[in-house]
Protein backbone atom coordinates (compact mmCIF):
# COMPACT_ATOMS: atom_id res chain seq x y z
CA UNK A 1 -2.23 15.86 2.60
CA UNK A 2 -0.50 12.88 4.20
CA UNK A 3 3.12 11.76 4.02
CA UNK A 4 4.35 13.03 0.69
CA UNK A 5 1.22 12.49 -1.39
CA UNK A 6 2.14 12.90 -5.04
CA UNK A 7 5.68 11.59 -4.46
CA UNK A 8 6.98 8.41 -6.04
CA UNK A 9 8.58 7.49 -2.71
CA UNK A 10 12.13 8.04 -3.95
CA UNK A 11 12.65 10.99 -1.62
CA UNK A 12 11.51 8.95 1.37
CA UNK A 13 14.03 6.22 0.57
CA UNK A 14 16.78 8.83 0.37
CA UNK A 15 15.77 10.45 3.66
CA UNK A 16 15.55 7.12 5.46
CA UNK A 17 19.00 6.08 4.25
CA UNK A 18 20.44 9.47 5.20
CA UNK A 19 19.05 9.14 8.74
CA UNK A 20 20.52 5.64 9.00
CA UNK A 21 23.97 6.73 7.87
CA UNK A 22 23.98 9.84 10.06
CA UNK A 23 23.40 7.77 13.20
CA UNK A 24 25.42 4.64 12.52
CA UNK A 25 28.45 6.55 11.23
CA UNK A 26 28.96 7.69 14.84
CA UNK A 27 29.60 4.10 15.93
CA UNK A 28 31.72 2.54 13.18
CA UNK A 29 34.56 1.97 15.62
CA UNK A 30 32.38 -0.40 17.67
CA UNK A 31 32.25 -4.21 17.40
CA UNK A 32 29.06 -4.79 15.40
CA UNK A 33 29.66 -8.53 15.06
CA UNK A 34 29.55 -9.25 18.76
CA UNK A 35 26.32 -7.41 19.58
CA UNK A 36 22.75 -8.51 18.86
CA UNK A 37 20.55 -6.05 17.04
CA UNK A 38 17.74 -5.31 19.47
CA UNK A 39 15.22 -8.15 19.60
CA UNK A 40 16.63 -9.87 16.53
CA UNK A 41 18.76 -13.01 16.54
CA UNK A 42 21.11 -11.29 14.09
CA UNK A 43 24.15 -9.28 15.06
CA UNK A 44 24.27 -5.56 14.34
CA UNK A 45 26.69 -6.28 11.49
CA UNK A 46 24.43 -8.95 9.97
CA UNK A 47 21.45 -6.60 10.23
CA UNK A 48 23.31 -3.80 8.46
CA UNK A 49 24.25 -6.21 5.67
CA UNK A 50 20.60 -7.26 5.47
CA UNK A 51 19.60 -3.65 4.80
CA UNK A 52 21.86 -3.63 1.74
CA UNK A 53 20.32 -6.85 0.47
CA UNK A 54 16.79 -5.52 0.86
CA UNK A 55 17.54 -2.29 -0.96
CA UNK A 56 19.28 -3.92 -3.93
CA UNK A 57 16.63 -6.63 -4.12
CA UNK A 58 13.78 -4.12 -4.35
CA UNK A 59 15.69 -2.08 -6.94
CA UNK A 60 16.30 -5.25 -8.94
CA UNK A 61 12.67 -6.34 -8.82
CA UNK A 62 11.48 -3.00 -10.17
CA UNK A 63 14.24 -2.52 -12.72
CA UNK A 64 13.92 -6.08 -14.00
CA UNK A 65 10.11 -5.99 -13.99
CA UNK A 66 10.14 -9.40 -12.25
CA UNK A 67 6.67 -10.97 -12.36
CA UNK A 68 6.79 -14.47 -10.90
CA UNK A 69 9.51 -14.59 -8.23
CA UNK A 70 12.48 -12.76 -6.81
CA UNK A 71 15.32 -12.36 -9.27
CA UNK A 72 17.99 -14.99 -8.45
CA UNK A 73 20.79 -12.83 -7.09
CA UNK A 74 21.99 -11.46 -3.78
CA UNK A 75 24.58 -8.97 -2.66
CA UNK A 76 27.81 -10.12 -1.01
CA UNK A 77 30.33 -7.74 0.54
CA UNK A 78 34.03 -8.19 -0.09
CA UNK A 79 36.06 -9.91 2.62
CA UNK A 80 37.51 -7.41 5.02
CA UNK A 81 34.80 -4.79 4.52
CA UNK A 82 34.66 -2.75 7.73
CA UNK A 83 31.64 -1.07 9.28
CA UNK A 84 32.23 2.14 7.36
CA UNK A 85 32.30 0.09 4.17
CA UNK A 86 28.95 -1.47 5.02
CA UNK A 87 27.47 1.99 5.43
CA UNK A 88 28.87 3.00 2.05
CA UNK A 89 27.06 0.03 0.50
CA UNK A 90 23.83 1.00 2.28
CA UNK A 91 24.19 4.46 0.76
CA UNK A 92 24.86 3.06 -2.71
CA UNK A 93 22.02 0.52 -2.68
CA UNK A 94 19.68 3.14 -1.30
CA UNK A 95 20.61 5.42 -4.19
CA UNK A 96 19.95 2.58 -6.64
CA UNK A 97 16.48 1.96 -5.20
CA UNK A 98 15.68 5.66 -5.17
CA UNK A 99 16.77 6.09 -8.78
CA UNK A 100 14.80 3.03 -9.86
CA UNK A 101 11.66 4.23 -8.10
CA UNK A 102 12.02 7.70 -9.58
CA UNK A 103 12.35 6.42 -13.16
CA UNK A 104 9.78 3.61 -13.08
CA UNK A 105 6.38 4.43 -14.63
CA UNK A 106 3.55 4.48 -12.08
CA UNK A 107 1.64 1.63 -13.75
CA UNK A 108 4.54 -0.83 -13.52
CA UNK A 109 4.24 -3.58 -10.94
CA UNK A 110 6.80 -6.22 -10.01
CA UNK A 111 6.71 -9.36 -7.92
CA UNK A 112 6.50 -9.26 -4.17
CA UNK A 113 4.73 -12.03 -2.25
CA UNK A 114 2.91 -9.94 0.37
CA UNK A 115 0.02 -10.19 0.16
CA UNK A 116 -1.18 -10.01 -3.47
CA UNK A 117 2.06 -10.95 -5.27
CA UNK A 118 2.94 -7.54 -6.67
CA UNK A 119 3.83 -3.98 -5.74
CA UNK A 120 4.21 -0.71 -7.62
CA UNK A 121 7.05 1.79 -7.31
CA UNK A 122 5.48 3.44 -4.26
CA UNK A 123 5.07 0.06 -2.60
CA UNK A 124 8.72 -0.86 -3.14
CA UNK A 125 9.76 2.56 -1.87
CA UNK A 126 7.66 2.07 1.25
CA UNK A 127 9.07 -1.42 1.83
CA UNK A 128 12.62 -0.15 1.37
CA UNK A 129 11.97 2.76 3.71
CA UNK A 130 10.47 0.41 6.28
CA UNK A 131 13.45 -1.94 6.16
CA UNK A 132 15.88 0.92 6.67
CA UNK A 133 13.89 2.47 9.51
CA UNK A 134 13.16 -0.61 11.59
CA UNK A 135 16.57 -2.23 11.13
CA UNK A 136 18.38 1.00 11.93
CA UNK A 137 16.29 0.96 15.10
CA UNK A 138 17.39 -2.62 15.79
CA UNK A 139 21.06 -1.78 15.33
CA UNK A 140 20.74 1.38 17.41
CA UNK A 141 19.07 -0.57 20.21
CA UNK A 142 21.91 -3.10 20.18
CA UNK A 143 24.57 -0.40 20.25
CA UNK A 144 22.81 1.72 22.87
CA UNK A 145 22.09 4.60 20.49
CA UNK A 146 18.95 6.71 20.21
CA UNK A 147 17.20 6.70 16.84
CA UNK A 148 14.27 8.99 16.07
CA UNK A 149 13.51 9.33 12.36
CA UNK A 150 11.19 12.00 11.00
CA UNK A 151 7.54 11.25 11.73
CA UNK A 152 6.73 11.82 8.04
CA UNK A 153 8.84 8.78 7.11
CA UNK A 154 6.98 6.51 9.51
CA UNK A 155 3.67 7.95 8.33
CA UNK A 156 4.65 7.30 4.71
CA UNK A 157 5.29 3.63 5.51
CA UNK A 158 2.13 3.20 7.59
CA UNK A 159 -0.24 4.73 5.05
CA UNK A 160 1.25 2.77 2.12
CA UNK A 161 1.91 -0.74 3.43
CA UNK A 162 0.21 -0.87 6.85
CA UNK A 163 -3.28 0.34 5.87
CA UNK A 164 -4.82 -2.20 8.25
CA UNK A 165 -3.13 -0.61 11.27
CA UNK A 166 -5.01 2.08 13.18
CA UNK A 167 -2.88 5.24 13.16
CA UNK A 168 -1.65 6.65 16.45
CA UNK A 169 -0.49 10.00 17.77
CA UNK A 170 3.14 9.00 17.21
CA UNK A 171 3.62 7.35 13.78
CA UNK A 172 7.14 6.12 14.61
CA UNK A 173 5.98 4.41 17.80
CA UNK A 174 3.00 2.98 15.89
CA UNK A 175 5.32 1.53 13.23
CA UNK A 176 7.54 -0.03 15.89
CA UNK A 177 4.44 -1.56 17.50
CA UNK A 178 3.12 -2.80 14.14
CA UNK A 179 6.42 -4.62 13.52
CA UNK A 180 6.60 -6.18 16.98
CA UNK A 181 9.25 -3.83 18.34
CA UNK A 182 7.35 -1.77 20.90
CA UNK A 183 4.23 -1.70 23.03
CA UNK A 184 1.36 0.75 22.71
CA UNK A 185 -1.15 1.50 25.48
CA UNK A 186 -4.46 -0.21 24.82
CA UNK A 187 -3.12 -2.46 22.07
CA UNK A 188 -2.09 -6.07 22.34
CA UNK A 189 1.57 -6.83 21.60
CA UNK A 190 2.27 -7.84 18.00
CA UNK A 191 3.91 -11.24 17.64
CA UNK A 192 3.29 -11.85 13.93
CA UNK A 193 2.96 -9.22 11.26
CA UNK A 194 3.19 -8.49 7.58
CA UNK A 195 2.68 -5.46 5.44
CA UNK A 196 0.04 -5.08 2.74
CA UNK A 197 0.74 -3.76 -0.72
CA UNK A 198 -2.37 -2.62 -2.54
CA UNK A 199 -4.57 -5.03 -4.47
CA UNK A 200 -4.74 -4.57 -8.24
CA UNK A 201 -7.27 -6.28 -10.51
CA UNK A 202 -6.73 -6.13 -14.29
CA UNK A 203 -9.48 -6.25 -16.90
CA UNK A 204 -9.27 -5.97 -20.68
CA UNK A 205 -9.29 -2.18 -20.69
CA UNK A 206 -8.86 -1.17 -17.06
CA UNK A 207 -6.76 -1.69 -13.98
CA UNK A 208 -8.59 -1.53 -10.65
CA UNK A 209 -5.97 -0.05 -8.33
CA UNK A 210 -6.53 -0.24 -4.59
CA UNK A 211 -6.35 3.20 -2.99
CA UNK A 212 -4.14 3.51 0.11
CA UNK A 213 -5.04 5.75 3.07
CA UNK A 214 -2.81 8.66 2.03
CA UNK A 215 -4.41 8.73 -1.41
CA UNK A 216 -7.89 8.55 0.12
CA UNK A 217 -7.10 11.46 2.43
CA UNK A 218 -5.86 13.48 -0.53
CA UNK A 219 -9.09 12.78 -2.42
CA UNK A 220 -11.09 13.93 0.59
CA UNK A 221 -9.06 17.18 0.64
CA UNK A 222 -9.85 17.84 -3.02
CA UNK A 223 -6.69 16.35 -4.54
CA UNK A 224 -6.29 13.75 -7.25
CA UNK A 225 -5.16 10.93 -4.96
CA UNK A 226 -1.99 10.52 -6.98
CA UNK A 227 -3.88 9.57 -10.16
CA UNK A 228 -4.10 11.38 -13.47
CA UNK A 229 -7.83 11.77 -14.17
CA UNK A 230 -9.67 12.40 -17.38
CA UNK A 231 -11.32 15.87 -17.47
CA UNK A 232 -14.02 16.19 -14.83
CA UNK A 233 -12.57 13.64 -12.45
CA UNK A 234 -12.62 12.49 -9.80
CA UNK A 235 -16.39 12.48 -9.51
CA UNK A 236 -18.06 13.32 -6.20
CA UNK A 237 -19.00 9.72 -5.43
CA UNK A 238 -15.33 8.75 -5.42
CA UNK A 239 -14.53 11.51 -2.95
CA UNK A 240 -17.42 10.41 -0.71
CA UNK A 241 -16.18 6.81 -0.79
CA UNK A 242 -12.70 8.06 0.12
CA UNK A 243 -14.25 9.90 3.08
CA UNK A 244 -15.80 6.68 4.41
CA UNK A 245 -12.54 4.83 3.87
CA UNK A 246 -10.57 7.50 5.71
CA UNK A 247 -12.92 7.29 8.68
CA UNK A 248 -12.58 3.50 8.73
CA UNK A 249 -8.79 3.80 8.63
CA UNK A 250 -8.72 6.30 11.49
CA UNK A 251 -10.88 3.91 13.53
CA UNK A 252 -8.72 0.89 12.74
CA UNK A 253 -11.54 -0.79 10.82
CA UNK A 254 -10.15 -0.48 7.29
CA UNK A 255 -9.29 -3.65 5.41
CA UNK A 256 -7.42 -2.74 2.22
CA UNK A 257 -8.94 -5.41 -0.03
CA UNK A 258 -12.41 -4.10 0.85
CA UNK A 259 -11.62 -0.45 0.27
CA UNK A 260 -11.77 1.91 -2.69
CA UNK A 261 -10.35 1.21 -6.15
CA UNK A 262 -9.50 3.72 -8.84
CA UNK A 263 -10.50 2.59 -12.32
CA UNK A 264 -7.45 3.34 -14.45
CA UNK A 265 -7.65 3.11 -18.22
CA UNK A 266 -4.85 0.93 -19.51
CA UNK A 267 -4.48 2.68 -22.84
CA UNK A 268 -3.36 5.98 -21.33
CA UNK A 269 -3.03 5.47 -17.56
CA UNK A 270 -5.84 7.90 -16.75
CA UNK A 271 -8.40 7.27 -14.04
CA UNK A 272 -12.01 7.25 -15.21
CA UNK A 273 -13.89 6.46 -12.02
CA UNK A 274 -13.97 4.79 -8.63
CA UNK A 275 -15.41 1.56 -7.28
CA UNK A 276 -15.29 -0.20 -3.96
CA UNK A 277 -16.95 -1.81 -1.00
CA UNK A 278 -18.89 -0.14 1.75
CA UNK A 279 -17.16 -2.33 4.31
CA UNK A 280 -15.92 -5.80 5.13
CA UNK A 281 -18.27 -8.81 4.82
CA UNK A 282 -20.69 -9.30 7.70
CA UNK A 283 -21.19 -12.56 9.58
CA UNK A 284 -23.37 -13.88 6.77
CA UNK A 285 -20.77 -13.09 4.14
CA UNK A 286 -22.56 -10.06 2.70
CA UNK A 287 -20.81 -6.93 1.47
CA UNK A 288 -22.06 -3.98 -0.55
CA UNK A 289 -20.43 -2.40 -3.58
CA UNK A 290 -20.73 1.09 -5.07
CA UNK A 291 -19.15 2.97 -7.97
CA UNK A 292 -19.19 6.05 -10.14
CA UNK A 293 -17.65 7.18 -13.41
CA UNK A 294 -16.48 10.56 -14.61
CA UNK A 295 -19.10 11.82 -17.07
CA UNK A 296 -16.73 11.59 -20.02
CA UNK A 297 -16.23 7.85 -19.43
CA UNK A 298 -19.86 6.83 -19.24
CA UNK A 299 -21.65 4.75 -21.82
CA UNK A 300 -18.51 2.82 -22.81
CA UNK A 301 -18.93 -0.30 -20.70
CA UNK A 302 -16.25 0.57 -18.15
CA UNK A 303 -18.53 0.18 -15.13
CA UNK A 304 -19.77 -3.22 -16.27
CA UNK A 305 -16.23 -4.43 -16.94
CA UNK A 306 -14.93 -3.23 -13.57
CA UNK A 307 -17.92 -4.46 -11.58
CA UNK A 308 -17.68 -7.90 -13.12
CA UNK A 309 -14.00 -8.12 -12.14
CA UNK A 310 -14.47 -6.82 -8.59
CA UNK A 311 -17.50 -8.97 -7.75
CA UNK A 312 -15.83 -12.01 -9.31
CA UNK A 313 -12.80 -11.49 -7.09
CA UNK A 314 -14.98 -11.03 -4.00
CA UNK A 315 -17.19 -14.06 -4.57
CA UNK A 316 -14.14 -16.27 -5.07
CA UNK A 317 -13.19 -15.60 -1.43
CA UNK A 318 -14.30 -17.84 1.41
CA UNK A 319 -15.60 -14.91 3.46
CA UNK A 320 -17.96 -13.51 0.79
CA UNK A 321 -21.22 -15.17 -0.19
CA UNK A 322 -23.29 -12.23 -1.43
CA UNK A 323 -22.54 -8.85 -2.98
CA UNK A 324 -25.24 -6.19 -2.66
CA UNK A 325 -25.76 -2.98 -4.60
CA UNK A 326 -28.26 -0.19 -4.05
CA UNK A 327 -29.13 1.87 -7.13
CA UNK A 328 -31.21 5.05 -7.13
CA UNK A 329 -34.69 4.71 -8.62
CA UNK A 330 -33.93 7.23 -11.37
CA UNK A 331 -30.52 5.79 -12.35
CA UNK A 332 -31.52 3.57 -15.25
CA UNK A 333 -27.97 3.35 -16.61
CA UNK A 334 -26.62 1.97 -13.34
CA UNK A 335 -29.54 -0.44 -13.06
CA UNK A 336 -28.57 -1.75 -16.49
CA UNK A 337 -24.95 -2.15 -15.36
CA UNK A 338 -25.76 -4.34 -12.35
CA UNK A 339 -28.22 -6.38 -14.42
CA UNK A 340 -25.58 -7.08 -17.06
CA UNK A 341 -23.19 -8.30 -14.38
CA UNK A 342 -25.84 -10.70 -13.09
CA UNK A 343 -27.32 -8.91 -10.08
CA UNK A 344 -30.98 -9.62 -9.33
CA UNK A 345 -33.33 -7.11 -7.75
CA UNK A 346 -34.40 -8.35 -4.31
CA UNK A 347 -36.13 -5.29 -2.86
CA UNK A 348 -36.19 -1.53 -2.56
CA UNK A 349 -36.22 1.19 0.05
CA UNK A 350 -36.14 4.98 0.17
CA UNK A 351 -32.54 5.02 -1.15
CA UNK A 352 -33.27 2.93 -4.22
CA UNK A 353 -33.50 -0.54 -5.67
CA UNK A 354 -31.62 -3.29 -3.88
CA UNK A 355 -29.74 -5.84 -5.98
CA UNK A 356 -27.97 -9.04 -5.00
CA UNK A 357 -25.31 -11.22 -6.63
CA UNK A 358 -24.34 -14.63 -5.30
CA UNK A 359 -26.13 -15.88 -2.23
């Protein structure tokens, strides 16, 4: 089980803030205004103030359920606030984010621009944790201090919002590399970067929720991936898809928008199946899709509804021209699903009938 699977992320925010305060409280008598924070253009003081703004902003987005933009407010410290006072505000805003994450329902999403214009509570927790970790590093570098947070915190951030980054032996060093703050042997320096919250696609009755690497690893290990399933779930096909996704992630080949999605029923928040791509589009713009449903959810049109949404999203992209599906010869129900969505049979092999949509 990776990096606090099953957690909302509130504990990780608290631990990151605690590590920040423990280190920086040893240097409050220093001049933070006159020293640059590592590779940043900001001073150490400005960077510490930025941490407070990030934490309160993320808490506000979640608490306010903002959907279209950032809420129009920012934090401003009173004149004369000293370095110890800044740390007190970091502690307070961290507690606000943690409390908000802990009390926000798992299905709630709020606006964040990167890259799909929303994030859930775990995403905001990961972003808040990331901001605290990397900017504490920046300040520590400027002040000549040594900062080494727990590897589980870095792993939590990487598996939630850096799913496109190949994991390394040292998660903290990997996170610093992924954010342009360190070099890693065998990897080109990072000059531009952004994190990736998971993709979510809504339908009338379902939400297709992109599965992050920690959730996939938990599914492989026999867990629930952080989802509440209807009885009998998750089905074996979902676990197999999670296995392929985990291998792709370990190899640095995973692209989150072409991964695995849990099909979550909107009426009760329970997962009823899994759906996803077998990989990224090839040079001709072809990608293959697969899915399964828990037995208790079959025959209700869920697969058709989800497949129509996922293939519609894919074919609207510039890099996808054709979506393929292979259905076993005996699986008449699944053949009916792909036909209803508009797939046409174009061949067959030992594995089954080959269908194509788009082209």
